[in-house]
N, C-alpha and C. Protein backbone atom coordinates (compact mmCIF):
# COMPACT_ATOMS: atom_id res chain seq x y z
N MET A 1 54.52 23.46 57.44
CA MET A 1 53.59 24.38 56.81
C MET A 1 53.84 24.40 55.30
N ILE A 2 52.80 24.54 54.56
CA ILE A 2 52.89 24.63 53.10
C ILE A 2 53.46 26.00 52.74
N THR A 3 54.34 26.02 51.75
CA THR A 3 54.87 27.27 51.24
C THR A 3 54.43 27.43 49.79
N VAL A 4 53.86 28.60 49.48
CA VAL A 4 53.39 28.90 48.13
C VAL A 4 54.24 30.03 47.58
N TYR A 5 54.95 29.74 46.50
CA TYR A 5 55.70 30.77 45.79
C TYR A 5 54.80 31.29 44.68
N ALA A 6 54.61 32.61 44.65
CA ALA A 6 53.63 33.20 43.74
C ALA A 6 54.10 34.57 43.29
N THR A 7 53.33 35.13 42.36
CA THR A 7 53.48 36.54 41.99
C THR A 7 52.12 37.20 42.16
N ARG A 8 52.13 38.49 42.36
CA ARG A 8 50.87 39.22 42.58
C ARG A 8 50.01 39.27 41.31
N TRP A 9 50.64 39.22 40.15
CA TRP A 9 49.91 39.38 38.89
C TRP A 9 49.38 38.07 38.33
N CYS A 10 49.70 36.95 38.93
CA CYS A 10 49.39 35.63 38.39
C CYS A 10 47.98 35.17 38.78
N PRO A 11 47.07 35.01 37.82
CA PRO A 11 45.72 34.55 38.16
C PRO A 11 45.71 33.13 38.73
N ASP A 12 46.60 32.26 38.28
CA ASP A 12 46.65 30.90 38.82
C ASP A 12 47.07 30.91 40.29
N CYS A 13 47.90 31.87 40.66
CA CYS A 13 48.31 31.99 42.07
C CYS A 13 47.12 32.38 42.94
N GLY A 14 46.33 33.31 42.45
CA GLY A 14 45.12 33.71 43.18
C GLY A 14 44.15 32.55 43.32
N ARG A 15 44.02 31.77 42.26
CA ARG A 15 43.13 30.61 42.27
C ARG A 15 43.62 29.58 43.28
N ALA A 16 44.93 29.33 43.32
CA ALA A 16 45.49 28.37 44.28
C ALA A 16 45.26 28.86 45.72
N LYS A 17 45.43 30.15 45.96
CA LYS A 17 45.16 30.71 47.28
C LYS A 17 43.72 30.46 47.69
N GLU A 18 42.79 30.63 46.76
CA GLU A 18 41.37 30.38 47.06
C GLU A 18 41.13 28.94 47.47
N VAL A 19 41.77 28.00 46.77
CA VAL A 19 41.62 26.58 47.10
C VAL A 19 42.18 26.32 48.49
N LEU A 20 43.35 26.84 48.79
CA LEU A 20 43.95 26.67 50.11
C LEU A 20 43.07 27.28 51.20
N ASP A 21 42.55 28.46 50.95
CA ASP A 21 41.68 29.12 51.93
C ASP A 21 40.38 28.34 52.13
N THR A 22 39.82 27.81 51.06
CA THR A 22 38.59 27.03 51.15
C THR A 22 38.79 25.79 52.01
N HIS A 23 39.98 25.19 51.90
CA HIS A 23 40.30 24.00 52.69
C HIS A 23 40.83 24.35 54.09
N ARG A 24 40.90 25.64 54.38
CA ARG A 24 41.36 26.14 55.69
C ARG A 24 42.72 25.57 56.08
N VAL A 25 43.62 25.66 55.12
CA VAL A 25 44.97 25.16 55.30
C VAL A 25 45.91 26.33 55.60
N ALA A 26 46.75 26.16 56.59
CA ALA A 26 47.76 27.18 56.88
C ALA A 26 48.86 27.11 55.83
N TYR A 27 49.27 28.25 55.35
CA TYR A 27 50.35 28.28 54.36
C TYR A 27 51.10 29.60 54.46
N LYS A 28 52.32 29.56 53.98
CA LYS A 28 53.16 30.75 53.90
C LYS A 28 53.18 31.18 52.45
N LEU A 29 52.81 32.42 52.19
CA LEU A 29 52.78 32.95 50.83
C LEU A 29 54.03 33.80 50.62
N VAL A 30 54.80 33.46 49.60
CA VAL A 30 56.04 34.18 49.30
C VAL A 30 55.93 34.73 47.88
N TYR A 31 55.95 36.05 47.77
CA TYR A 31 55.87 36.69 46.46
C TYR A 31 57.27 36.87 45.88
N LEU A 32 57.45 36.42 44.65
CA LEU A 32 58.74 36.51 44.00
C LEU A 32 59.20 37.97 43.86
N GLU A 33 58.25 38.90 43.68
CA GLU A 33 58.59 40.31 43.51
C GLU A 33 59.19 40.91 44.78
N GLU A 34 58.85 40.32 45.93
CA GLU A 34 59.26 40.90 47.20
C GLU A 34 60.43 40.16 47.85
N GLU A 35 60.67 38.94 47.44
CA GLU A 35 61.74 38.12 48.01
C GLU A 35 62.68 37.68 46.90
N PRO A 36 63.77 38.38 46.69
CA PRO A 36 64.69 38.02 45.60
C PRO A 36 65.15 36.56 45.64
N SER A 37 65.36 36.01 46.83
CA SER A 37 65.81 34.62 46.93
C SER A 37 64.72 33.64 46.49
N ALA A 38 63.46 34.06 46.57
CA ALA A 38 62.35 33.18 46.17
C ALA A 38 62.41 32.87 44.67
N ARG A 39 62.77 33.85 43.88
CA ARG A 39 62.89 33.63 42.44
C ARG A 39 63.92 32.55 42.15
N ASP A 40 65.04 32.59 42.84
CA ASP A 40 66.08 31.59 42.65
C ASP A 40 65.60 30.19 43.05
N ILE A 41 64.84 30.12 44.13
CA ILE A 41 64.29 28.83 44.58
C ILE A 41 63.36 28.26 43.51
N VAL A 42 62.47 29.10 43.00
CA VAL A 42 61.51 28.64 41.98
C VAL A 42 62.25 28.20 40.71
N LEU A 43 63.23 28.96 40.30
CA LEU A 43 64.00 28.58 39.10
C LEU A 43 64.71 27.25 39.30
N ARG A 44 65.28 27.03 40.48
CA ARG A 44 65.98 25.78 40.76
C ARG A 44 65.00 24.60 40.78
N LEU A 45 63.86 24.78 41.42
CA LEU A 45 62.89 23.69 41.53
C LEU A 45 62.25 23.32 40.20
N ASN A 46 62.17 24.29 39.30
CA ASN A 46 61.45 24.09 38.04
C ASN A 46 62.35 24.07 36.82
N GLY A 47 63.58 23.65 37.00
CA GLY A 47 64.49 23.49 35.86
C GLY A 47 64.72 24.76 35.06
N GLY A 48 64.81 25.90 35.77
CA GLY A 48 65.07 27.16 35.10
C GLY A 48 63.83 27.92 34.67
N MET A 49 62.67 27.34 34.89
CA MET A 49 61.41 28.00 34.54
C MET A 49 60.86 28.76 35.74
N ARG A 50 60.33 29.92 35.51
CA ARG A 50 59.73 30.72 36.58
C ARG A 50 58.24 30.40 36.65
N SER A 51 57.94 29.17 37.00
CA SER A 51 56.56 28.68 37.02
C SER A 51 55.95 28.91 38.39
N VAL A 52 54.83 29.63 38.40
CA VAL A 52 54.09 29.87 39.63
C VAL A 52 52.60 29.62 39.40
N PRO A 53 51.89 29.18 40.41
CA PRO A 53 52.39 28.93 41.75
C PRO A 53 53.22 27.65 41.82
N THR A 54 54.25 27.69 42.64
CA THR A 54 55.02 26.52 43.02
C THR A 54 54.71 26.29 44.49
N ILE A 55 54.15 25.13 44.80
CA ILE A 55 53.65 24.85 46.14
C ILE A 55 54.46 23.70 46.73
N ILE A 56 55.07 23.95 47.88
CA ILE A 56 55.88 22.94 48.55
C ILE A 56 55.15 22.50 49.82
N PHE A 57 54.94 21.19 49.95
CA PHE A 57 54.24 20.62 51.08
C PHE A 57 55.21 20.22 52.18
N ASP A 58 54.66 19.96 53.36
CA ASP A 58 55.48 19.60 54.53
C ASP A 58 56.39 18.42 54.26
N ASP A 59 55.95 17.48 53.44
CA ASP A 59 56.75 16.28 53.18
C ASP A 59 57.79 16.49 52.09
N GLY A 60 57.89 17.72 51.57
CA GLY A 60 58.86 18.04 50.54
C GLY A 60 58.34 17.87 49.12
N SER A 61 57.13 17.33 48.98
CA SER A 61 56.56 17.17 47.64
C SER A 61 56.17 18.55 47.10
N ILE A 62 56.10 18.63 45.77
CA ILE A 62 55.88 19.92 45.10
C ILE A 62 54.79 19.78 44.05
N LEU A 63 53.93 20.78 43.99
CA LEU A 63 52.99 20.92 42.87
C LEU A 63 53.32 22.23 42.17
N VAL A 64 53.33 22.20 40.86
CA VAL A 64 53.60 23.40 40.07
C VAL A 64 52.42 23.65 39.15
N GLU A 65 51.86 24.84 39.25
CA GLU A 65 50.71 25.24 38.44
C GLU A 65 49.60 24.17 38.47
N PRO A 66 49.20 23.71 39.66
CA PRO A 66 48.18 22.66 39.71
C PRO A 66 46.80 23.21 39.37
N SER A 67 45.96 22.33 38.86
CA SER A 67 44.55 22.68 38.68
C SER A 67 43.89 22.71 40.06
N ASN A 68 42.70 23.24 40.15
CA ASN A 68 41.97 23.24 41.42
C ASN A 68 41.81 21.82 41.93
N SER A 69 41.43 20.90 41.06
CA SER A 69 41.17 19.52 41.49
C SER A 69 42.47 18.83 41.92
N GLN A 70 43.57 19.10 41.25
CA GLN A 70 44.86 18.50 41.67
C GLN A 70 45.27 19.00 43.05
N LEU A 71 45.12 20.29 43.27
CA LEU A 71 45.50 20.86 44.56
C LEU A 71 44.57 20.37 45.66
N ALA A 72 43.28 20.34 45.40
CA ALA A 72 42.31 19.87 46.39
C ALA A 72 42.57 18.41 46.75
N ALA A 73 42.87 17.58 45.76
CA ALA A 73 43.15 16.16 46.03
C ALA A 73 44.40 16.03 46.89
N ARG A 74 45.42 16.81 46.62
CA ARG A 74 46.66 16.74 47.39
C ARG A 74 46.43 17.20 48.83
N LEU A 75 45.61 18.24 49.00
CA LEU A 75 45.30 18.73 50.34
C LEU A 75 44.49 17.71 51.12
N GLU A 76 43.54 17.07 50.45
CA GLU A 76 42.73 16.04 51.12
C GLU A 76 43.60 14.85 51.51
N GLN A 77 44.54 14.48 50.67
CA GLN A 77 45.47 13.40 50.99
C GLN A 77 46.31 13.78 52.21
N ALA A 78 46.82 14.99 52.24
CA ALA A 78 47.65 15.44 53.37
C ALA A 78 46.83 15.47 54.66
N GLN A 79 45.58 15.90 54.59
CA GLN A 79 44.74 15.94 55.78
C GLN A 79 44.42 14.54 56.27
N ALA A 80 44.20 13.60 55.36
CA ALA A 80 43.92 12.22 55.75
C ALA A 80 45.14 11.60 56.43
N ILE A 81 46.31 11.86 55.89
CA ILE A 81 47.54 11.32 56.48
C ILE A 81 47.75 11.91 57.87
N SER A 82 47.49 13.20 58.03
CA SER A 82 47.71 13.83 59.33
C SER A 82 46.72 13.31 60.38
N LYS A 83 45.59 12.79 59.93
CA LYS A 83 44.60 12.22 60.84
C LYS A 83 44.85 10.74 61.10
N GLY A 84 45.91 10.19 60.52
CA GLY A 84 46.26 8.81 60.78
C GLY A 84 45.82 7.80 59.75
N ALA A 85 45.19 8.24 58.68
CA ALA A 85 44.77 7.32 57.63
C ALA A 85 45.98 6.94 56.78
N GLU A 86 45.91 5.79 56.20
CA GLU A 86 46.98 5.34 55.30
C GLU A 86 46.89 6.08 53.98
N PRO A 87 48.01 6.48 53.41
CA PRO A 87 47.98 7.13 52.10
C PRO A 87 47.55 6.12 51.03
N PRO A 88 46.88 6.61 49.98
CA PRO A 88 46.47 5.69 48.90
C PRO A 88 47.69 5.12 48.19
N GLU A 89 47.55 3.89 47.72
CA GLU A 89 48.63 3.22 46.99
C GLU A 89 48.74 3.76 45.60
């Protein structure tokens, strides 16, 4: 399952949630304000920066502050792979 590290006040986090919801993708939403360990995870993954949204995919790949088109392309790639298609070169 995709994990999204976010904050409640972040407009980019809300935008990423909308993209995920539009693509009907299951994800776990973790708010940094509510999970103290989440802040540490985000800081470690982003070289000390508290950059959100930080999105971790099933394969371990990460997107940080993606645009709508970047996130949509990554979701479409993941859906194609799960359906048995070869990933693009």
